[in-house]
Amino acid sequence: MESESYFIIALGQRITFYREKACLTVSDISGLTGIEIDNIVAYENGSLSIKVEDFLKIIKALEIDSAQLMEGIELKK
């Protein structure tokens, strides 16, 4: 469970990094993806596991691929 929490938090940090790098707000990402702002905030702060469909929408909106988003994130044992 600890490694899952670490992964969720690290993934959220990467989403935030790429969103800010693209000069987009949470509201911008919400508008581009149709995902509720509250869910995006929860994904970014690691308090909610991201749904696969939302993950795909976010990487498309950020114009990156999944490997870029997950680069450097390792599962802890």
N, C-alpha and C. Protein backbone atom coordinates (compact mmCIF):
# COMPACT_ATOMS: atom_id res chain seq x y z
N MET A 1 0.83 -1.20 0.00
CA MET A 1 0.00 0.00 0.00
C MET A 1 0.87 1.26 0.00
N GLU A 2 1.99 1.19 0.72
CA GLU A 2 2.88 2.35 0.79
C GLU A 2 3.43 2.70 -0.59
N SER A 3 3.79 1.67 -1.37
CA SER A 3 4.34 1.95 -2.71
C SER A 3 3.27 2.53 -3.62
N GLU A 4 2.02 2.10 -3.45
CA GLU A 4 0.93 2.65 -4.25
C GLU A 4 0.73 4.12 -3.93
N SER A 5 0.75 4.47 -2.65
CA SER A 5 0.60 5.86 -2.24
C SER A 5 1.73 6.71 -2.80
N TYR A 6 2.96 6.18 -2.71
CA TYR A 6 4.12 6.90 -3.25
C TYR A 6 3.92 7.16 -4.73
N PHE A 7 3.47 6.15 -5.47
CA PHE A 7 3.29 6.28 -6.91
C PHE A 7 2.23 7.34 -7.23
N ILE A 8 1.12 7.31 -6.53
CA ILE A 8 0.03 8.26 -6.76
C ILE A 8 0.50 9.70 -6.50
N ILE A 9 1.25 9.89 -5.42
CA ILE A 9 1.76 11.22 -5.09
C ILE A 9 2.78 11.68 -6.13
N ALA A 10 3.70 10.79 -6.50
CA ALA A 10 4.73 11.13 -7.48
C ALA A 10 4.11 11.45 -8.84
N LEU A 11 3.11 10.68 -9.24
CA LEU A 11 2.44 10.93 -10.51
C LEU A 11 1.74 12.30 -10.48
N GLY A 12 1.10 12.62 -9.37
CA GLY A 12 0.46 13.92 -9.23
C GLY A 12 1.45 15.06 -9.33
N GLN A 13 2.62 14.88 -8.74
CA GLN A 13 3.66 15.91 -8.83
C GLN A 13 4.12 16.09 -10.27
N ARG A 14 4.22 15.00 -11.01
CA ARG A 14 4.62 15.08 -12.42
C ARG A 14 3.55 15.79 -13.26
N ILE A 15 2.28 15.51 -12.97
CA ILE A 15 1.19 16.19 -13.68
C ILE A 15 1.30 17.70 -13.43
N THR A 16 1.49 18.07 -12.18
CA THR A 16 1.64 19.49 -11.84
C THR A 16 2.82 20.10 -12.57
N PHE A 17 3.95 19.41 -12.57
CA PHE A 17 5.15 19.90 -13.25
C PHE A 17 4.88 20.19 -14.72
N TYR A 18 4.31 19.21 -15.42
CA TYR A 18 4.06 19.40 -16.86
C TYR A 18 2.96 20.41 -17.13
N ARG A 19 1.96 20.50 -16.24
CA ARG A 19 0.91 21.50 -16.41
C ARG A 19 1.51 22.89 -16.29
N GLU A 20 2.32 23.09 -15.28
CA GLU A 20 2.95 24.40 -15.09
C GLU A 20 3.95 24.71 -16.20
N LYS A 21 4.66 23.70 -16.65
CA LYS A 21 5.61 23.88 -17.76
C LYS A 21 4.88 24.35 -19.02
N ALA A 22 3.66 23.87 -19.20
CA ALA A 22 2.84 24.26 -20.35
C ALA A 22 2.11 25.58 -20.11
N CYS A 23 2.35 26.21 -18.95
CA CYS A 23 1.68 27.46 -18.58
C CYS A 23 0.16 27.32 -18.57
N LEU A 24 -0.31 26.20 -18.06
CA LEU A 24 -1.74 25.94 -17.96
C LEU A 24 -2.16 25.94 -16.50
N THR A 25 -3.37 26.40 -16.25
CA THR A 25 -3.94 26.35 -14.91
C THR A 25 -4.75 25.07 -14.77
N VAL A 26 -5.14 24.77 -13.55
CA VAL A 26 -6.02 23.62 -13.32
C VAL A 26 -7.32 23.82 -14.10
N SER A 27 -7.79 25.04 -14.12
CA SER A 27 -9.01 25.35 -14.87
C SER A 27 -8.82 25.10 -16.37
N ASP A 28 -7.65 25.45 -16.89
CA ASP A 28 -7.36 25.19 -18.31
C ASP A 28 -7.43 23.70 -18.61
N ILE A 29 -6.78 22.89 -17.76
CA ILE A 29 -6.77 21.44 -17.96
C ILE A 29 -8.19 20.89 -17.86
N SER A 30 -8.95 21.41 -16.93
CA SER A 30 -10.34 20.98 -16.80
C SER A 30 -11.12 21.26 -18.09
N GLY A 31 -10.93 22.43 -18.64
CA GLY A 31 -11.62 22.79 -19.87
C GLY A 31 -11.19 21.94 -21.05
N LEU A 32 -9.91 21.60 -21.11
CA LEU A 32 -9.40 20.79 -22.22
C LEU A 32 -9.80 19.32 -22.12
N THR A 33 -10.00 18.85 -20.90
CA THR A 33 -10.24 17.42 -20.70
C THR A 33 -11.67 17.06 -20.32
N GLY A 34 -12.40 18.02 -19.76
CA GLY A 34 -13.73 17.72 -19.26
C GLY A 34 -13.71 17.10 -17.87
N ILE A 35 -12.53 17.04 -17.25
CA ILE A 35 -12.39 16.51 -15.90
C ILE A 35 -12.69 17.63 -14.91
N GLU A 36 -13.45 17.32 -13.87
CA GLU A 36 -13.78 18.34 -12.87
C GLU A 36 -12.52 18.87 -12.20
N ILE A 37 -12.52 20.16 -11.92
CA ILE A 37 -11.38 20.81 -11.28
C ILE A 37 -11.00 20.11 -9.98
N ASP A 38 -11.99 19.77 -9.17
CA ASP A 38 -11.71 19.10 -7.89
C ASP A 38 -10.94 17.80 -8.09
N ASN A 39 -11.27 17.06 -9.15
CA ASN A 39 -10.57 15.81 -9.42
C ASN A 39 -9.14 16.07 -9.86
N ILE A 40 -8.93 17.08 -10.69
CA ILE A 40 -7.57 17.40 -11.13
C ILE A 40 -6.72 17.80 -9.93
N VAL A 41 -7.26 18.64 -9.06
CA VAL A 41 -6.55 19.04 -7.85
C VAL A 41 -6.21 17.80 -7.01
N ALA A 42 -7.17 16.90 -6.86
CA ALA A 42 -6.94 15.69 -6.06
C ALA A 42 -5.89 14.78 -6.72
N TYR A 43 -5.91 14.69 -8.05
CA TYR A 43 -4.87 13.91 -8.74
C TYR A 43 -3.50 14.53 -8.49
N GLU A 44 -3.43 15.84 -8.60
CA GLU A 44 -2.15 16.53 -8.44
C GLU A 44 -1.60 16.44 -7.02
N ASN A 45 -2.46 16.45 -6.03
CA ASN A 45 -1.94 16.38 -4.65
C ASN A 45 -1.87 14.94 -4.13
N GLY A 46 -2.24 13.99 -4.98
CA GLY A 46 -2.09 12.58 -4.62
C GLY A 46 -3.13 12.03 -3.69
N SER A 47 -4.23 12.73 -3.54
CA SER A 47 -5.28 12.24 -2.64
C SER A 47 -6.32 11.38 -3.35
N LEU A 48 -6.20 11.25 -4.67
CA LEU A 48 -7.13 10.45 -5.45
C LEU A 48 -6.36 9.72 -6.54
N SER A 49 -6.59 8.41 -6.64
CA SER A 49 -5.97 7.63 -7.71
C SER A 49 -6.59 8.06 -9.04
N ILE A 50 -5.74 8.24 -10.02
CA ILE A 50 -6.22 8.71 -11.32
C ILE A 50 -6.84 7.57 -12.12
N LYS A 51 -7.98 7.85 -12.72
CA LYS A 51 -8.63 6.89 -13.60
C LYS A 51 -7.85 6.83 -14.91
N VAL A 52 -7.80 5.66 -15.52
CA VAL A 52 -7.07 5.50 -16.77
C VAL A 52 -7.58 6.48 -17.83
N GLU A 53 -8.89 6.62 -17.94
CA GLU A 53 -9.44 7.53 -18.96
C GLU A 53 -9.02 8.97 -18.70
N ASP A 54 -8.95 9.37 -17.43
CA ASP A 54 -8.52 10.73 -17.10
C ASP A 54 -7.02 10.89 -17.34
N PHE A 55 -6.25 9.86 -17.05
CA PHE A 55 -4.81 9.87 -17.33
C PHE A 55 -4.58 10.14 -18.81
N LEU A 56 -5.30 9.43 -19.66
CA LEU A 56 -5.15 9.60 -21.11
C LEU A 56 -5.57 11.00 -21.56
N LYS A 57 -6.63 11.52 -20.99
CA LYS A 57 -7.08 12.88 -21.33
C LYS A 57 -6.04 13.92 -20.92
N ILE A 58 -5.45 13.72 -19.76
CA ILE A 58 -4.47 14.68 -19.25
C ILE A 58 -3.20 14.68 -20.10
N ILE A 59 -2.68 13.50 -20.44
CA ILE A 59 -1.46 13.50 -21.25
C ILE A 59 -1.72 14.08 -22.63
N LYS A 60 -2.92 13.87 -23.15
CA LYS A 60 -3.25 14.48 -24.44
C LYS A 60 -3.30 16.00 -24.32
N ALA A 61 -3.92 16.50 -23.27
CA ALA A 61 -4.02 17.95 -23.06
C ALA A 61 -2.64 18.58 -22.84
N LEU A 62 -1.76 17.84 -22.18
CA LEU A 62 -0.41 18.34 -21.91
C LEU A 62 0.53 18.14 -23.09
N GLU A 63 0.05 17.42 -24.10
CA GLU A 63 0.82 17.12 -25.30
C GLU A 63 2.13 16.40 -24.97
N ILE A 64 2.01 15.41 -24.10
CA ILE A 64 3.13 14.55 -23.75
C ILE A 64 2.67 13.10 -23.85
N ASP A 65 3.60 12.16 -23.74
CA ASP A 65 3.19 10.76 -23.73
C ASP A 65 3.31 10.19 -22.32
N SER A 66 2.78 9.02 -22.13
CA SER A 66 2.74 8.43 -20.80
C SER A 66 4.14 8.18 -20.24
N ALA A 67 5.08 7.82 -21.10
CA ALA A 67 6.45 7.57 -20.64
C ALA A 67 7.07 8.83 -20.08
N GLN A 68 6.83 9.96 -20.73
CA GLN A 68 7.34 11.24 -20.24
C GLN A 68 6.77 11.54 -18.86
N LEU A 69 5.48 11.34 -18.71
CA LEU A 69 4.83 11.67 -17.45
C LEU A 69 5.34 10.79 -16.31
N MET A 70 5.61 9.53 -16.60
CA MET A 70 6.00 8.60 -15.54
C MET A 70 7.51 8.44 -15.42
N GLU A 71 8.27 9.16 -16.21
CA GLU A 71 9.73 9.07 -16.16
C GLU A 71 10.26 9.37 -14.76
N GLY A 72 11.08 8.48 -14.26
CA GLY A 72 11.70 8.67 -12.96
C GLY A 72 10.89 8.22 -11.77
N ILE A 73 9.66 7.81 -11.99
CA ILE A 73 8.83 7.33 -10.88
C ILE A 73 9.07 5.82 -10.74
N GLU A 74 9.52 5.42 -9.58
CA GLU A 74 9.77 4.01 -9.32
C GLU A 74 8.85 3.52 -8.21
N LEU A 75 8.38 2.31 -8.35
CA LEU A 75 7.58 1.72 -7.29
C LEU A 75 8.52 1.27 -6.18
N LYS A 76 8.20 1.68 -4.97
CA LYS A 76 8.99 1.25 -3.81
C LYS A 76 8.44 -0.08 -3.33
N LYS A 77 9.30 -0.96 -2.92
CA LYS A 77 8.87 -2.27 -2.42
C LYS A 77 8.70 -2.26 -0.94
